[in-house]
N, C-alpha and C. Protein backbone atom coordinates (compact mmCIF):
# COMPACT_ATOMS: atom_id res chain seq x y z
N MET A 1 37.95 46.71 40.53
CA MET A 1 38.46 46.71 38.90
C MET A 1 38.49 45.37 38.78
N SER A 2 38.89 44.29 39.28
CA SER A 2 38.56 42.71 38.93
C SER A 2 37.34 42.53 38.64
N GLN A 3 36.14 42.79 39.85
CA GLN A 3 34.81 42.71 39.53
C GLN A 3 34.43 43.32 37.76
N ASP A 4 35.00 44.10 37.67
CA ASP A 4 34.20 45.19 36.26
C ASP A 4 34.32 44.09 35.19
N GLN A 5 35.78 43.40 35.20
CA GLN A 5 36.37 42.78 34.34
C GLN A 5 35.08 41.64 33.57
N PRO A 6 35.11 41.78 32.57
CA PRO A 6 33.94 40.34 31.65
C PRO A 6 34.73 38.89 31.66
N PRO A 7 33.83 37.80 31.78
CA PRO A 7 34.66 36.98 32.03
C PRO A 7 35.29 36.51 30.45
N SER A 8 36.60 35.58 30.56
CA SER A 8 37.32 35.61 29.61
C SER A 8 36.92 35.27 28.05
N ASP A 9 37.57 35.21 27.42
CA ASP A 9 36.65 34.78 25.58
C ASP A 9 36.30 33.40 25.62
N PRO A 10 37.47 32.43 26.25
CA PRO A 10 37.27 30.84 25.82
C PRO A 10 36.03 30.75 27.16
N GLN A 11 35.84 31.08 27.74
CA GLN A 11 34.87 30.66 29.08
C GLN A 11 33.13 31.48 28.54
N CYS A 12 33.74 32.61 27.99
CA CYS A 12 32.39 33.41 27.47
C CYS A 12 31.71 32.28 26.02
N ARG A 13 33.00 31.58 25.32
CA ARG A 13 32.19 30.83 24.42
C ARG A 13 31.66 29.59 24.71
N THR A 14 32.55 28.80 25.72
CA THR A 14 31.72 27.75 26.23
C THR A 14 30.28 28.03 26.89
N GLU A 15 30.06 29.01 27.71
CA GLU A 15 29.34 28.75 28.21
C GLU A 15 27.73 29.35 26.89
N GLN A 16 28.32 29.86 25.61
CA GLN A 16 27.45 30.07 24.64
C GLN A 16 27.03 29.29 24.16
N GLN A 17 28.12 28.17 23.65
CA GLN A 17 27.84 26.89 22.96
C GLN A 17 26.68 25.70 24.12
N SER A 18 27.49 26.00 25.18
CA SER A 18 26.16 25.34 25.83
C SER A 18 24.73 25.71 26.21
N LEU A 19 24.65 26.87 26.11
CA LEU A 19 23.26 27.61 25.97
C LEU A 19 22.91 27.15 24.66
N LEU A 20 23.22 27.37 23.93
CA LEU A 20 23.03 26.78 22.01
C LEU A 20 22.69 25.21 22.44
N THR A 21 23.50 24.73 22.47
CA THR A 21 22.77 23.09 22.58
C THR A 21 22.09 22.73 23.15
N SER A 22 21.68 23.39 24.26
CA SER A 22 20.55 22.81 25.19
C SER A 22 19.26 23.57 24.96
N THR A 23 19.25 25.35 23.81
CA THR A 23 18.21 25.36 23.94
C THR A 23 18.07 24.77 22.11
N ILE A 24 18.76 24.38 21.91
CA ILE A 24 18.26 24.08 19.90
C ILE A 24 17.46 22.45 19.95
N PRO A 25 17.44 21.98 20.65
CA PRO A 25 16.62 20.58 20.63
C PRO A 25 15.14 20.67 21.61
N ARG A 26 15.25 21.50 22.50
CA ARG A 26 14.22 21.94 23.15
C ARG A 26 13.05 22.79 21.86
N GLN A 27 13.83 22.98 20.98
CA GLN A 27 12.97 24.18 20.19
C GLN A 27 12.96 23.50 18.84
N ALA A 28 13.52 22.59 18.33
CA ALA A 28 13.34 21.69 17.74
C ALA A 28 12.19 20.11 17.99
N ALA A 29 12.06 19.83 19.04
CA ALA A 29 11.15 19.01 19.86
C ALA A 29 9.86 20.15 19.55
N LEU A 30 10.00 21.26 20.03
CA LEU A 30 8.75 21.77 20.02
C LEU A 30 7.77 22.13 18.91
N ILE A 31 9.07 22.28 17.59
CA ILE A 31 8.67 22.26 16.54
C ILE A 31 8.15 21.58 15.62
N VAL A 32 8.33 20.45 15.73
CA VAL A 32 7.88 18.97 15.97
C VAL A 32 6.25 18.60 16.25
N VAL A 33 6.51 18.79 17.28
CA VAL A 33 5.20 18.50 18.43
C VAL A 33 3.90 19.04 17.80
N LEU A 34 4.34 20.55 17.90
CA LEU A 34 3.38 21.50 16.81
C LEU A 34 2.92 21.49 15.72
N LEU A 35 3.94 21.24 14.83
CA LEU A 35 3.95 20.78 13.49
C LEU A 35 2.72 19.56 13.52
N SER A 36 3.31 18.48 14.13
CA SER A 36 2.42 17.17 14.03
C SER A 36 1.20 16.92 14.88
N LEU A 37 0.66 18.43 15.58
CA LEU A 37 -0.77 18.57 15.70
C LEU A 37 -1.08 19.18 14.94
N PHE A 38 -0.88 19.79 13.91
CA PHE A 38 -1.48 20.41 13.15
C PHE A 38 -1.24 19.68 11.70
N ALA A 39 -0.23 18.99 11.48
CA ALA A 39 0.17 18.27 10.17
C ALA A 39 -1.20 17.01 10.60
N VAL A 40 -1.06 16.41 11.44
CA VAL A 40 -1.73 15.12 11.39
C VAL A 40 -3.70 15.18 11.83
N GLU A 41 -3.80 16.55 11.87
CA GLU A 41 -5.48 16.78 12.33
C GLU A 41 -6.10 16.71 10.81
N PRO A 42 -5.61 16.87 9.55
CA PRO A 42 -6.20 16.26 8.52
C PRO A 42 -6.56 15.46 8.14
N VAL A 43 -5.20 14.60 8.55
CA VAL A 43 -5.47 12.91 8.45
C VAL A 43 -6.48 12.20 9.31
N ALA A 44 -6.11 12.82 10.03
CA ALA A 44 -6.97 12.10 11.59
C ALA A 44 -8.56 12.34 11.12
N ALA A 45 -9.11 13.83 10.26
CA ALA A 45 -10.07 14.03 10.07
C ALA A 45 -10.73 12.91 8.51
N GLN A 46 -10.01 12.04 8.31
CA GLN A 46 -10.49 11.52 7.01
C GLN A 46 -11.59 10.23 7.70
N ASP A 47 -12.37 9.71 6.92
CA ASP A 47 -13.41 8.23 7.52
C ASP A 47 -13.14 7.11 7.09
N ASN A 48 -12.30 6.47 8.00
CA ASN A 48 -11.15 5.52 7.93
C ASN A 48 -10.79 4.96 6.37
N ALA A 49 -9.35 5.45 6.49
CA ALA A 49 -8.96 5.66 5.06
C ALA A 49 -8.33 3.91 4.63
N VAL A 50 -7.97 3.99 5.40
CA VAL A 50 -7.88 2.03 5.62
C VAL A 50 -8.83 0.53 4.95
N CYS A 51 -9.65 0.89 5.82
CA CYS A 51 -11.03 0.02 5.49
C CYS A 51 -11.89 0.54 4.04
N SER A 52 -11.37 2.02 3.61
CA SER A 52 -11.84 2.05 2.47
C SER A 52 -10.94 1.44 0.93
N ALA A 53 -9.64 0.95 1.40
CA ALA A 53 -9.18 0.59 -0.10
C ALA A 53 -9.36 -0.39 0.21
N ASP A 54 -9.05 -0.75 -1.53
CA ASP A 54 -9.35 -1.93 -1.59
C ASP A 54 -8.67 -2.84 -1.10
N ASN A 55 -7.24 -3.87 -1.30
CA ASN A 55 -6.96 -4.82 -1.20
C ASN A 55 -6.22 -4.45 0.81
N LEU A 56 -6.03 -3.29 0.83
CA LEU A 56 -5.20 -3.78 2.38
C LEU A 56 -5.56 -3.80 3.66
N PRO A 57 -7.11 -4.07 3.76
CA PRO A 57 -7.23 -4.52 4.86
C PRO A 57 -6.89 -6.05 5.11
N SER A 58 -7.36 -6.93 3.91
CA SER A 58 -6.77 -8.44 3.51
C SER A 58 -5.15 -8.32 3.56
N MET A 59 -4.24 -7.11 3.01
CA MET A 59 -2.85 -7.67 3.24
C MET A 59 -2.06 -7.51 4.46
N ILE A 60 -2.50 -6.28 5.33
CA ILE A 60 -2.63 -6.29 6.67
C ILE A 60 -2.87 -7.67 7.37
N GLY A 61 -4.14 -7.87 7.13
CA GLY A 61 -4.31 -9.46 8.09
C GLY A 61 -3.55 -10.36 7.73
N GLY A 62 -3.22 -10.57 6.40
CA GLY A 62 -2.01 -11.52 5.74
C GLY A 62 -0.80 -11.39 6.02
N PHE A 63 0.06 -9.70 6.41
CA PHE A 63 1.00 -9.96 6.98
C PHE A 63 1.02 -9.93 8.17
N PHE A 64 0.57 -9.88 9.28
CA PHE A 64 0.11 -10.68 10.39
C PHE A 64 0.39 -12.46 10.47
N GLN A 65 -0.69 -12.89 9.71
CA GLN A 65 -0.96 -13.78 9.68
C GLN A 65 0.83 -14.51 9.51
N LEU A 66 1.23 -14.16 8.61
CA LEU A 66 2.66 -14.92 8.39
C LEU A 66 3.88 -14.65 9.08
N THR A 67 3.65 -13.19 9.80
CA THR A 67 4.73 -12.70 10.60
C THR A 67 4.34 -13.58 12.11
N THR A 68 3.21 -13.85 12.61
CA THR A 68 3.07 -14.84 13.44
C THR A 68 3.19 -16.13 13.25
N ALA A 69 3.43 -16.35 12.18
CA ALA A 69 3.71 -18.25 11.64
C ALA A 69 5.20 -18.04 11.91
N LEU A 70 6.13 -17.10 11.35
CA LEU A 70 7.23 -17.09 11.09
C LEU A 70 7.54 -16.89 12.94
N GLY A 71 6.64 -16.08 13.97
CA GLY A 71 7.45 -16.32 15.16
C GLY A 71 7.03 -17.65 15.49
N ILE A 72 6.35 -18.39 15.18
CA ILE A 72 6.04 -19.94 15.75
C ILE A 72 7.36 -20.72 15.49
N VAL A 73 7.49 -20.79 14.11
CA VAL A 73 8.46 -21.78 13.68
C VAL A 73 9.75 -21.00 14.31
N GLY A 74 9.88 -19.73 14.37
CA GLY A 74 10.95 -19.65 14.66
C GLY A 74 11.38 -19.76 16.45
N LEU A 75 10.49 -19.52 17.19
CA LEU A 75 10.03 -20.05 18.78
C LEU A 75 10.73 -21.96 18.70
N ALA A 76 9.75 -22.49 17.81
CA ALA A 76 10.51 -24.10 17.66
C ALA A 76 11.79 -24.17 17.39
N ILE A 77 12.67 -23.56 16.42
CA ILE A 77 13.75 -23.85 16.20
C ILE A 77 14.70 -23.37 17.49
N VAL A 78 14.42 -21.95 18.00
CA VAL A 78 15.20 -21.55 19.11
C VAL A 78 15.04 -22.93 20.30
N TRP A 79 13.86 -23.18 20.32
CA TRP A 79 13.56 -24.10 21.46
C TRP A 79 14.53 -25.28 21.34
N GLN A 80 14.27 -26.05 19.90
CA GLN A 80 15.00 -27.18 20.06
C GLN A 80 16.74 -27.40 19.89
N ALA A 81 17.23 -26.03 19.00
CA ALA A 81 18.60 -25.61 19.54
C ALA A 81 18.75 -25.45 21.07
N ASP A 82 18.19 -24.90 21.61
CA ASP A 82 18.83 -24.83 22.91
C ASP A 82 18.03 -25.98 23.62
N SER A 83 17.55 -26.99 23.34
CA SER A 83 17.30 -28.02 24.34
C SER A 83 18.75 -29.35 23.78
N LEU A 84 19.08 -28.70 22.37
CA LEU A 84 20.42 -29.60 21.67
C LEU A 84 21.70 -29.29 22.61
N ILE A 85 21.91 -28.07 22.47
CA ILE A 85 23.01 -27.43 23.25
C ILE A 85 23.07 -27.67 24.81
N GLU A 86 21.53 -27.50 25.44
CA GLU A 86 21.91 -27.96 26.87
C GLU A 86 22.34 -29.49 27.20
N MET A 87 21.67 -30.52 25.96
CA MET A 87 22.17 -31.39 26.23
C MET A 87 23.78 -31.99 26.50
N PHE A 88 24.68 -30.96 25.99
CA PHE A 88 25.86 -31.14 25.70
C PHE A 88 26.62 -29.89 26.91
N THR A 89 25.96 -29.18 27.16
CA THR A 89 27.00 -28.30 28.43
C THR A 89 26.63 -29.08 29.76
N LEU A 90 28.06 -29.01 30.23
CA LEU A 90 28.36 -29.30 31.55
C LEU A 90 28.03 -28.58 32.93
N ASN A 91 28.56 -27.29 32.01
CA ASN A 91 28.35 -26.09 33.09
C ASN A 91 27.03 -25.72 33.84
N PRO A 92 26.75 -25.68 35.36
CA PRO A 92 24.98 -25.64 35.26
C PRO A 92 24.82 -23.67 35.30
N GLU A 93 25.63 -22.48 35.19
CA GLU A 93 25.56 -21.47 34.60
C GLU A 93 24.75 -21.45 33.39
N GLN A 94 25.39 -22.08 32.20
CA GLN A 94 25.25 -22.13 31.02
C GLN A 94 23.89 -22.67 30.93
N LYS A 95 23.81 -23.98 31.55
CA LYS A 95 22.14 -24.76 31.36
C LYS A 95 20.89 -23.44 32.03
N LYS A 96 21.28 -22.65 33.23
CA LYS A 96 20.23 -22.11 33.36
C LYS A 96 19.92 -20.90 32.29
N GLY A 97 21.34 -20.47 32.04
CA GLY A 97 21.25 -19.45 30.82
C GLY A 97 20.32 -19.85 29.83
N LEU A 98 20.78 -21.14 29.12
CA LEU A 98 19.73 -21.68 27.90
C LEU A 98 18.63 -21.80 28.50
N LYS A 99 18.02 -21.91 29.72
CA LYS A 99 16.69 -22.12 29.88
C LYS A 99 15.97 -20.65 30.25
N ARG A 100 16.75 -19.59 30.73
CA ARG A 100 16.46 -18.52 31.02
C ARG A 100 15.90 -18.15 29.32
N HIS A 101 16.87 -18.50 28.17
CA HIS A 101 16.40 -18.06 26.94
C HIS A 101 15.15 -18.69 26.23
N LYS A 102 15.07 -19.85 26.61
CA LYS A 102 13.94 -20.71 26.64
C LYS A 102 12.84 -20.41 26.93
N ARG A 103 12.84 -19.53 28.04
CA ARG A 103 11.76 -18.77 28.17
C ARG A 103 10.94 -17.53 28.06
N SER A 104 12.56 -16.88 27.27
CA SER A 104 12.18 -15.97 27.01
C SER A 104 12.18 -15.86 25.65
N ALA A 105 12.12 -16.88 24.89
CA ALA A 105 11.70 -16.98 23.35
C ALA A 105 10.15 -17.18 23.57
N MET A 106 10.06 -18.64 24.33
CA MET A 106 8.14 -18.83 24.70
C MET A 106 7.28 -17.76 24.95
N LYS A 107 7.70 -16.68 25.67
CA LYS A 107 7.58 -15.40 26.31
C LYS A 107 7.06 -14.76 25.06
N SER A 108 7.90 -13.95 23.99
CA SER A 108 7.77 -13.63 22.88
C SER A 108 6.99 -14.18 22.20
N ALA A 109 6.26 -15.39 22.08
CA ALA A 109 5.79 -16.05 21.35
C ALA A 109 4.18 -16.09 21.66
N VAL A 110 4.54 -16.32 22.97
CA VAL A 110 2.84 -15.93 23.52
C VAL A 110 2.48 -14.59 23.27
N VAL A 111 3.23 -13.48 23.59
CA VAL A 111 2.86 -12.52 22.98
C VAL A 111 2.25 -11.80 21.77
N LEU A 112 3.17 -12.85 20.56
CA LEU A 112 2.94 -12.72 19.15
C LEU A 112 1.72 -13.19 18.65
N VAL A 113 1.53 -14.41 19.71
CA VAL A 113 0.22 -15.45 19.37
C VAL A 113 -1.07 -14.51 19.75
N VAL A 114 -0.98 -13.91 20.87
CA VAL A 114 -2.25 -13.31 21.80
C VAL A 114 -2.61 -11.97 21.56
N LEU A 115 -1.68 -11.21 20.66
CA LEU A 115 -1.77 -9.67 20.17
C LEU A 115 -2.78 -9.42 19.45
N GLY A 116 -2.67 -10.24 17.90
CA GLY A 116 -3.75 -10.06 17.36
C GLY A 116 -5.21 -10.20 17.63
N PRO A 117 -5.89 -11.34 18.33
CA PRO A 117 -6.66 -11.50 18.92
C PRO A 117 -7.27 -10.45 19.83
N LEU A 118 -6.32 -10.16 20.72
CA LEU A 118 -6.54 -8.92 21.31
C LEU A 118 -7.09 -7.25 21.27
N TYR A 119 -6.46 -7.48 20.34
CA TYR A 119 -6.74 -6.06 19.14
C TYR A 119 -7.86 -6.09 18.77
N THR A 120 -8.45 -7.49 18.38
CA THR A 120 -9.78 -7.62 17.28
C THR A 120 -10.85 -7.40 18.50
N VAL A 121 -10.39 -8.07 19.46
CA VAL A 121 -11.89 -8.31 20.57
C VAL A 121 -11.61 -7.13 21.11
N ALA A 122 -10.60 -6.00 21.58
CA ALA A 122 -10.52 -4.98 22.29
C ALA A 122 -10.94 -3.74 21.33
N GLY A 123 -10.48 -3.81 19.95
CA GLY A 123 -11.23 -2.52 19.24
C GLY A 123 -12.01 -2.85 18.61
N SER A 124 -13.04 -3.89 18.56
CA SER A 124 -14.17 -3.66 18.30
C SER A 124 -15.25 -3.30 19.20
N MET A 125 -14.30 -3.75 20.97
CA MET A 125 -15.35 -3.62 22.03
C MET A 125 -15.49 -1.45 21.91
N MET A 126 -13.98 -1.06 21.59
CA MET A 126 -13.82 0.59 21.52
C MET A 126 -14.60 1.12 20.73
N GLY A 127 -14.46 0.63 19.00
CA GLY A 127 -15.03 1.08 18.40
C GLY A 127 -13.87 1.55 17.74
N LEU A 128 -13.46 0.71 17.34
CA LEU A 128 -11.80 1.61 16.54
C LEU A 128 -12.16 1.14 15.23
N PRO A 129 -12.30 1.63 14.40
CA PRO A 129 -12.40 1.54 13.22
C PRO A 129 -11.63 0.57 11.84
N LEU A 130 -10.28 0.22 12.17
CA LEU A 130 -9.11 -0.83 12.21
C LEU A 130 -9.65 -2.06 12.47
N ALA A 131 -10.08 -2.25 13.53
CA ALA A 131 -10.23 -3.93 14.23
C ALA A 131 -11.53 -4.44 13.76
N GLN A 132 -12.61 -3.12 12.69
CA GLN A 132 -13.38 -3.46 12.42
C GLN A 132 -13.68 -4.32 11.14
N CYS A 133 -12.57 -3.54 10.67
CA CYS A 133 -12.30 -3.94 8.83
C CYS A 133 -10.86 -5.47 8.89
N VAL A 134 -10.34 -5.18 9.58
CA VAL A 134 -8.88 -5.51 9.22
C VAL A 134 -9.24 -6.93 10.67
N ASP A 135 -8.72 -8.49 9.57
CA ASP A 135 -8.78 -9.38 10.98
C ASP A 135 -7.50 -9.87 11.45
N LEU A 136 -7.05 -9.18 12.16
CA LEU A 136 -5.82 -9.83 13.20
C LEU A 136 -5.56 -11.28 13.42
N VAL A 137 -6.78 -12.46 13.85
CA VAL A 137 -6.69 -13.30 14.55
C VAL A 137 -5.60 -14.06 13.68
N PRO A 138 -4.84 -14.81 14.29
CA PRO A 138 -3.68 -15.64 13.47
C PRO A 138 -4.24 -16.98 12.50
N TRP A 139 -5.21 -17.36 13.08
CA TRP A 139 -5.60 -18.77 12.62
C TRP A 139 -7.29 -18.59 12.07
């Protein structure tokens, strides 16, 4: 007799809620993927919409130059501030942390400066339309 009894109501509710909470995100993700595949297709069929705009390529290039310049100025400020703080720091662990921070800032600035020319060269070699009309070289 005890085998034929269904599980108690609270246990059944928690199982149903866990099933609902696990299937709803999966269904939502599947719907987003399917819609993006079909909704993006007409946009992808357009032929070089960025390059055909009047001022958009020059605006993108100017924005990239501005952000690169701000990144380099930010690197100089961080580098000088870390060097100043390092002069007044006596703890060796803090000095190591400041040196790590300076290296991290330098790596970020190098990536920022190299990324635009790399995309321009690689994009033109691969035939990407955006690389042909937008100049991402910051100098």
